Amino acid sequence: MDKLIVTIAQGLVEDKAAVNVTVDEPNEEGIIVYHLHVAADDMGRVIGKQGRIAKAIRTVVRAAANKADKKVAVEID
């Protein structure tokens, strides 16, 4: 799942080396939280106007997680 997030984010940003994903352990509800870290200059590219790109990233990752019967959340830091 983290490779999917990195691949999507690297396609959006200019500083591809700064893209990093950290994973939290599942919480009591079984939700795995993925934290996407990008360079400060690329934050707007990943979030998009009114958060549309961020919402699209979360939708794609959730769809992939549903196939694997997992619950995930993506946070952009």
N, C-alpha and C. Protein backbone atom coordinates (compact mmCIF):
# COMPACT_ATOMS: atom_id res chain seq x y z
N MET A 1 0.82 -1.20 0.00
CA MET A 1 0.00 0.00 0.00
C MET A 1 0.87 1.26 0.00
N ASP A 2 1.97 1.21 0.75
CA ASP A 2 2.83 2.39 0.81
C ASP A 2 3.51 2.64 -0.54
N LYS A 3 3.77 1.59 -1.30
CA LYS A 3 4.36 1.77 -2.63
C LYS A 3 3.38 2.49 -3.55
N LEU A 4 2.11 2.19 -3.42
CA LEU A 4 1.08 2.85 -4.22
C LEU A 4 1.05 4.35 -3.91
N ILE A 5 1.09 4.70 -2.64
CA ILE A 5 1.06 6.10 -2.23
C ILE A 5 2.30 6.84 -2.74
N VAL A 6 3.47 6.20 -2.62
CA VAL A 6 4.71 6.82 -3.09
C VAL A 6 4.67 7.03 -4.59
N THR A 7 4.18 6.05 -5.33
CA THR A 7 4.11 6.16 -6.79
C THR A 7 3.20 7.31 -7.21
N ILE A 8 2.06 7.43 -6.59
CA ILE A 8 1.13 8.51 -6.92
C ILE A 8 1.76 9.86 -6.57
N ALA A 9 2.34 9.96 -5.39
CA ALA A 9 2.90 11.24 -4.94
C ALA A 9 4.10 11.66 -5.80
N GLN A 10 4.94 10.72 -6.19
CA GLN A 10 6.10 11.06 -7.00
C GLN A 10 5.70 11.57 -8.37
N GLY A 11 4.56 11.17 -8.86
CA GLY A 11 4.07 11.69 -10.12
C GLY A 11 3.58 13.12 -10.03
N LEU A 12 3.34 13.61 -8.82
CA LEU A 12 2.81 14.95 -8.63
C LEU A 12 3.85 15.99 -8.24
N VAL A 13 4.91 15.56 -7.58
CA VAL A 13 5.85 16.52 -7.00
C VAL A 13 7.08 16.73 -7.88
N GLU A 14 7.83 17.80 -7.57
CA GLU A 14 9.09 18.05 -8.26
C GLU A 14 10.26 17.39 -7.55
N ASP A 15 10.26 17.41 -6.22
CA ASP A 15 11.34 16.81 -5.44
C ASP A 15 10.94 15.38 -5.07
N LYS A 16 11.21 14.45 -5.98
CA LYS A 16 10.78 13.05 -5.79
C LYS A 16 11.52 12.37 -4.65
N ALA A 17 12.73 12.81 -4.34
CA ALA A 17 13.51 12.20 -3.26
C ALA A 17 12.93 12.52 -1.89
N ALA A 18 12.16 13.56 -1.78
CA ALA A 18 11.60 13.96 -0.48
C ALA A 18 10.31 13.21 -0.14
N VAL A 19 9.79 12.44 -1.07
CA VAL A 19 8.54 11.70 -0.81
C VAL A 19 8.85 10.53 0.11
N ASN A 20 8.10 10.43 1.20
CA ASN A 20 8.31 9.40 2.20
C ASN A 20 6.97 9.03 2.82
N VAL A 21 6.79 7.74 3.11
CA VAL A 21 5.55 7.27 3.73
C VAL A 21 5.91 6.50 4.99
N THR A 22 5.27 6.85 6.10
CA THR A 22 5.41 6.09 7.34
C THR A 22 4.07 5.46 7.66
N VAL A 23 4.12 4.33 8.34
CA VAL A 23 2.91 3.56 8.62
C VAL A 23 2.77 3.39 10.13
N ASP A 24 1.57 3.65 10.63
CA ASP A 24 1.27 3.41 12.04
C ASP A 24 0.69 2.01 12.19
N GLU A 25 0.81 1.47 13.38
CA GLU A 25 0.19 0.19 13.68
C GLU A 25 -1.34 0.36 13.66
N PRO A 26 -2.07 -0.70 13.35
CA PRO A 26 -3.54 -0.58 13.36
C PRO A 26 -4.05 -0.15 14.73
N ASN A 27 -5.01 0.78 14.73
CA ASN A 27 -5.57 1.22 16.00
C ASN A 27 -6.63 0.23 16.47
N GLU A 28 -7.35 0.58 17.52
CA GLU A 28 -8.33 -0.36 18.10
C GLU A 28 -9.47 -0.68 17.15
N GLU A 29 -9.69 0.18 16.15
CA GLU A 29 -10.74 -0.08 15.16
C GLU A 29 -10.20 -0.83 13.95
N GLY A 30 -8.90 -1.11 13.93
CA GLY A 30 -8.28 -1.84 12.83
C GLY A 30 -7.89 -0.97 11.65
N ILE A 31 -7.84 0.35 11.84
CA ILE A 31 -7.50 1.27 10.76
C ILE A 31 -5.99 1.51 10.77
N ILE A 32 -5.36 1.30 9.62
CA ILE A 32 -3.94 1.55 9.46
C ILE A 32 -3.78 2.95 8.88
N VAL A 33 -2.98 3.79 9.53
CA VAL A 33 -2.80 5.17 9.09
C VAL A 33 -1.46 5.30 8.38
N TYR A 34 -1.51 5.80 7.14
CA TYR A 34 -0.32 6.07 6.35
C TYR A 34 -0.08 7.57 6.35
N HIS A 35 1.14 7.99 6.69
CA HIS A 35 1.50 9.40 6.72
C HIS A 35 2.38 9.69 5.52
N LEU A 36 1.92 10.54 4.62
CA LEU A 36 2.67 10.93 3.44
C LEU A 36 3.43 12.21 3.73
N HIS A 37 4.75 12.17 3.57
CA HIS A 37 5.60 13.33 3.80
C HIS A 37 6.19 13.77 2.46
N VAL A 38 6.04 15.05 2.14
CA VAL A 38 6.63 15.63 0.93
C VAL A 38 7.35 16.92 1.32
N ALA A 39 8.13 17.45 0.38
CA ALA A 39 8.82 18.71 0.62
C ALA A 39 7.79 19.83 0.80
N ALA A 40 8.16 20.85 1.54
CA ALA A 40 7.24 21.95 1.82
C ALA A 40 6.80 22.66 0.54
N ASP A 41 7.69 22.75 -0.44
CA ASP A 41 7.34 23.41 -1.70
C ASP A 41 6.32 22.61 -2.51
N ASP A 42 6.27 21.30 -2.30
CA ASP A 42 5.38 20.44 -3.07
C ASP A 42 4.06 20.15 -2.35
N MET A 43 3.87 20.70 -1.18
CA MET A 43 2.66 20.41 -0.41
C MET A 43 1.40 20.81 -1.17
N GLY A 44 1.42 21.96 -1.82
CA GLY A 44 0.25 22.42 -2.57
C GLY A 44 -0.07 21.53 -3.75
N ARG A 45 0.94 20.95 -4.36
CA ARG A 45 0.72 20.05 -5.49
C ARG A 45 0.02 18.77 -5.05
N VAL A 46 0.36 18.29 -3.86
CA VAL A 46 -0.23 17.05 -3.37
C VAL A 46 -1.64 17.28 -2.84
N ILE A 47 -1.88 18.44 -2.24
CA ILE A 47 -3.20 18.72 -1.68
C ILE A 47 -4.16 19.16 -2.78
N GLY A 48 -3.72 20.02 -3.67
CA GLY A 48 -4.58 20.47 -4.76
C GLY A 48 -5.55 21.54 -4.33
N LYS A 49 -6.26 22.08 -5.30
CA LYS A 49 -7.24 23.12 -5.01
C LYS A 49 -8.39 22.52 -4.21
N GLN A 50 -8.67 23.12 -3.08
CA GLN A 50 -9.74 22.71 -2.18
C GLN A 50 -9.61 21.25 -1.77
N GLY A 51 -8.36 20.71 -1.81
CA GLY A 51 -8.12 19.34 -1.35
C GLY A 51 -8.57 18.26 -2.30
N ARG A 52 -8.78 18.59 -3.55
CA ARG A 52 -9.30 17.60 -4.49
C ARG A 52 -8.31 16.49 -4.78
N ILE A 53 -7.03 16.82 -4.94
CA ILE A 53 -6.05 15.78 -5.23
C ILE A 53 -5.85 14.89 -4.00
N ALA A 54 -5.81 15.48 -2.83
CA ALA A 54 -5.67 14.70 -1.60
C ALA A 54 -6.85 13.75 -1.44
N LYS A 55 -8.03 14.22 -1.74
CA LYS A 55 -9.23 13.38 -1.66
C LYS A 55 -9.15 12.23 -2.66
N ALA A 56 -8.64 12.52 -3.87
CA ALA A 56 -8.50 11.48 -4.89
C ALA A 56 -7.48 10.43 -4.47
N ILE A 57 -6.37 10.87 -3.87
CA ILE A 57 -5.37 9.92 -3.38
C ILE A 57 -5.97 9.01 -2.33
N ARG A 58 -6.71 9.59 -1.40
CA ARG A 58 -7.35 8.79 -0.35
C ARG A 58 -8.36 7.80 -0.92
N THR A 59 -9.09 8.21 -1.96
CA THR A 59 -10.08 7.33 -2.57
C THR A 59 -9.41 6.14 -3.24
N VAL A 60 -8.34 6.39 -3.97
CA VAL A 60 -7.63 5.30 -4.66
C VAL A 60 -7.03 4.33 -3.65
N VAL A 61 -6.45 4.85 -2.59
CA VAL A 61 -5.83 3.98 -1.58
C VAL A 61 -6.90 3.18 -0.84
N ARG A 62 -8.02 3.80 -0.53
CA ARG A 62 -9.11 3.07 0.12
C ARG A 62 -9.66 1.96 -0.77
N ALA A 63 -9.75 2.22 -2.07
CA ALA A 63 -10.24 1.21 -3.00
C ALA A 63 -9.29 0.02 -3.05
N ALA A 64 -7.99 0.30 -3.06
CA ALA A 64 -7.01 -0.79 -3.05
C ALA A 64 -7.05 -1.56 -1.74
N ALA A 65 -7.29 -0.85 -0.65
CA ALA A 65 -7.35 -1.50 0.66
C ALA A 65 -8.60 -2.37 0.78
N ASN A 66 -9.71 -1.95 0.18
CA ASN A 66 -10.93 -2.75 0.23
C ASN A 66 -10.74 -4.09 -0.45
N LYS A 67 -9.94 -4.13 -1.51
CA LYS A 67 -9.65 -5.40 -2.18
C LYS A 67 -8.90 -6.34 -1.25
N ALA A 68 -8.07 -5.79 -0.39
CA ALA A 68 -7.28 -6.59 0.55
C ALA A 68 -7.98 -6.73 1.91
N ASP A 69 -9.23 -6.30 2.01
CA ASP A 69 -10.00 -6.35 3.26
C ASP A 69 -9.28 -5.65 4.42
N LYS A 70 -8.78 -4.46 4.13
CA LYS A 70 -8.12 -3.64 5.15
C LYS A 70 -8.81 -2.29 5.23
N LYS A 71 -8.66 -1.64 6.37
CA LYS A 71 -9.15 -0.28 6.55
C LYS A 71 -7.95 0.63 6.68
N VAL A 72 -7.89 1.65 5.83
CA VAL A 72 -6.74 2.54 5.85
C VAL A 72 -7.19 4.00 5.86
N ALA A 73 -6.27 4.87 6.27
CA ALA A 73 -6.45 6.31 6.21
C ALA A 73 -5.13 6.90 5.77
N VAL A 74 -5.19 7.97 4.98
CA VAL A 74 -3.98 8.64 4.51
C VAL A 74 -3.97 10.06 5.05
N GLU A 75 -2.88 10.41 5.71
CA GLU A 75 -2.69 11.77 6.20
C GLU A 75 -1.50 12.37 5.49
N ILE A 76 -1.63 13.61 5.08
CA ILE A 76 -0.56 14.30 4.37
C ILE A 76 0.10 15.28 5.32
N ASP A 77 1.37 15.03 5.59
CA ASP A 77 2.12 15.86 6.55
C ASP A 77 3.15 16.69 5.82
